[in-house]
Amino acid sequence: MSPLRWDVLTAGFVLALPVLALYLRGDFTLDDVATRLPWCLLAGWGAVALLRYAATPRTRPAPQRASRTPALPDEDPTPAA
């Protein structure tokens, strides 16, 4: 799964909103924001991957059909004398 998909970028942006708000409030410097934004993208990627895994339905193997060839009788492994 690409980290630049729209759902990953959206989740990363939502997770980055508190970081941006702390920058605008003056608690974070630009260096702090620049080091934390990639982690927001990584957390968004992890959240989307987990949601996709949980939402994917489980598939069961297809039942095997009965063979149409007639069954061979069991052969005796001992040679006839």
C-alpha atoms as a PDB file:
ATOM      1  CA  MET A   1       0.000   0.000   0.000  1.00  0.00           C
ATOM      2  CA  SER A   2       1.442   3.319  -1.058  1.00  0.00           C
ATOM      3  CA  PRO A   3       1.996   5.929   1.663  1.00  0.00           C
ATOM      4  CA  LEU A   4       0.774   8.631  -0.746  1.00  0.00           C
ATOM      5  CA  ARG A   5      -2.794   7.387  -1.189  1.00  0.00           C
ATOM      6  CA  TRP A   6      -5.581   9.887  -0.536  1.00  0.00           C
ATOM      7  CA  ASP A   7      -6.861   8.044   2.530  1.00  0.00           C
ATOM      8  CA  VAL A   8      -3.384   7.846   4.068  1.00  0.00           C
ATOM      9  CA  LEU A   9      -2.720  11.512   3.376  1.00  0.00           C
ATOM     10  CA  THR A  10      -6.085  12.467   4.855  1.00  0.00           C
ATOM     11  CA  ALA A  11      -5.443  10.449   8.013  1.00  0.00           C
ATOM     12  CA  GLY A  12      -1.945  11.924   8.263  1.00  0.00           C
ATOM     13  CA  PHE A  13      -3.336  15.446   7.893  1.00  0.00           C
ATOM     14  CA  VAL A  14      -5.936  14.832  10.588  1.00  0.00           C
ATOM     15  CA  LEU A  15      -3.232  13.514  12.900  1.00  0.00           C
ATOM     16  CA  ALA A  16      -1.028  16.525  12.062  1.00  0.00           C
ATOM     17  CA  LEU A  17      -3.672  19.085  13.054  1.00  0.00           C
ATOM     18  CA  PRO A  18      -2.647  19.138  16.751  1.00  0.00           C
ATOM     19  CA  VAL A  19       1.008  19.576  15.755  1.00  0.00           C
ATOM     20  CA  LEU A  20       0.114  22.491  13.499  1.00  0.00           C
ATOM     21  CA  ALA A  21      -2.094  23.989  16.195  1.00  0.00           C
ATOM     22  CA  LEU A  22       0.760  23.815  18.714  1.00  0.00           C
ATOM     23  CA  TYR A  23       2.996  25.585  16.195  1.00  0.00           C
ATOM     24  CA  LEU A  24       0.436  28.324  15.671  1.00  0.00           C
ATOM     25  CA  ARG A  25       0.052  28.710  19.430  1.00  0.00           C
ATOM     26  CA  GLY A  26       3.814  29.121  19.789  1.00  0.00           C
ATOM     27  CA  ASP A  27       4.610  25.942  21.729  1.00  0.00           C
ATOM     28  CA  PHE A  28       6.507  24.272  18.860  1.00  0.00           C
ATOM     29  CA  THR A  29       9.237  25.715  16.693  1.00  0.00           C
ATOM     30  CA  LEU A  30       9.389  25.075  12.974  1.00  0.00           C
ATOM     31  CA  ASP A  31      12.064  22.430  13.595  1.00  0.00           C
ATOM     32  CA  ASP A  32       9.764  20.608  16.020  1.00  0.00           C
ATOM     33  CA  VAL A  33       6.951  20.625  13.477  1.00  0.00           C
ATOM     34  CA  ALA A  34       9.233  19.432  10.659  1.00  0.00           C
ATOM     35  CA  THR A  35      10.428  16.475  12.738  1.00  0.00           C
ATOM     36  CA  ARG A  36       6.925  15.472  13.856  1.00  0.00           C
ATOM     37  CA  LEU A  37       5.031  15.713  10.547  1.00  0.00           C
ATOM     38  CA  PRO A  38       6.598  12.560   9.010  1.00  0.00           C
ATOM     39  CA  TRP A  39       5.534  10.650  12.119  1.00  0.00           C
ATOM     40  CA  CYS A  40       1.981  11.837  11.544  1.00  0.00           C
ATOM     41  CA  LEU A  41       2.118  10.470   8.004  1.00  0.00           C
ATOM     42  CA  LEU A  42       3.503   7.176   9.312  1.00  0.00           C
ATOM     43  CA  ALA A  43       0.769   6.974  11.948  1.00  0.00           C
ATOM     44  CA  GLY A  44      -1.849   7.686   9.277  1.00  0.00           C
ATOM     45  CA  TRP A  45      -0.416   4.900   7.125  1.00  0.00           C
ATOM     46  CA  GLY A  46      -0.522   2.494  10.073  1.00  0.00           C
ATOM     47  CA  ALA A  47      -4.092   3.434  10.971  1.00  0.00           C
ATOM     48  CA  VAL A  48      -5.321   2.988   7.393  1.00  0.00           C
ATOM     49  CA  ALA A  49      -3.476  -0.311   7.043  1.00  0.00           C
ATOM     50  CA  LEU A  50      -5.056  -1.583  10.255  1.00  0.00           C
ATOM     51  CA  LEU A  51      -8.536  -0.465   9.186  1.00  0.00           C
ATOM     52  CA  ARG A  52      -8.128  -2.064   5.747  1.00  0.00           C
ATOM     53  CA  TYR A  53      -6.977  -5.317   7.366  1.00  0.00           C
ATOM     54  CA  ALA A  54      -9.931  -5.310   9.760  1.00  0.00           C
ATOM     55  CA  ALA A  55     -12.444  -4.464   7.029  1.00  0.00           C
ATOM     56  CA  THR A  56     -11.286  -7.107   4.538  1.00  0.00           C
ATOM     57  CA  PRO A  57     -13.615 -10.106   4.684  1.00  0.00           C
ATOM     58  CA  ARG A  58     -12.045 -13.456   5.315  1.00  0.00           C
ATOM     59  CA  THR A  59     -12.141 -15.856   2.410  1.00  0.00           C
ATOM     60  CA  ARG A  60     -12.550 -19.558   2.867  1.00  0.00           C
ATOM     61  CA  PRO A  61     -11.003 -22.076   0.526  1.00  0.00           C
ATOM     62  CA  ALA A  62     -13.388 -23.441  -2.067  1.00  0.00           C
ATOM     63  CA  PRO A  63     -14.697 -26.907  -1.225  1.00  0.00           C
ATOM     64  CA  GLN A  64     -13.096 -29.620  -3.295  1.00  0.00           C
ATOM     65  CA  ARG A  65     -15.384 -31.377  -5.685  1.00  0.00           C
ATOM     66  CA  ALA A  66     -15.570 -35.142  -5.835  1.00  0.00           C
ATOM     67  CA  SER A  67     -13.428 -36.682  -8.520  1.00  0.00           C
ATOM     68  CA  ARG A  68     -15.296 -37.996 -11.551  1.00  0.00           C
ATOM     69  CA  THR A  69     -12.725 -40.674 -12.300  1.00  0.00           C
ATOM     70  CA  PRO A  70     -13.539 -44.086 -10.893  1.00  0.00           C
ATOM     71  CA  ALA A  71     -11.579 -45.122  -7.886  1.00  0.00           C
ATOM     72  CA  LEU A  72      -8.895 -47.710  -8.484  1.00  0.00           C
ATOM     73  CA  PRO A  73      -8.906 -50.788  -6.272  1.00  0.00           C
ATOM     74  CA  ASP A  74      -6.117 -50.933  -3.730  1.00  0.00           C
ATOM     75  CA  GLU A  75      -3.123 -52.702  -5.141  1.00  0.00           C
ATOM     76  CA  ASP A  76      -1.386 -55.302  -3.076  1.00  0.00           C
ATOM     77  CA  PRO A  77       2.247 -54.228  -2.626  1.00  0.00           C
ATOM     78  CA  THR A  78       3.421 -57.851  -2.321  1.00  0.00           C
ATOM     79  CA  PRO A  79       4.104 -59.585  -5.611  1.00  0.00           C
ATOM     80  CA  ALA A  80       1.985 -62.627  -6.493  1.00  0.00           C
ATOM     81  CA  ALA A  81       3.861 -65.931  -6.232  1.00  0.00           C
END
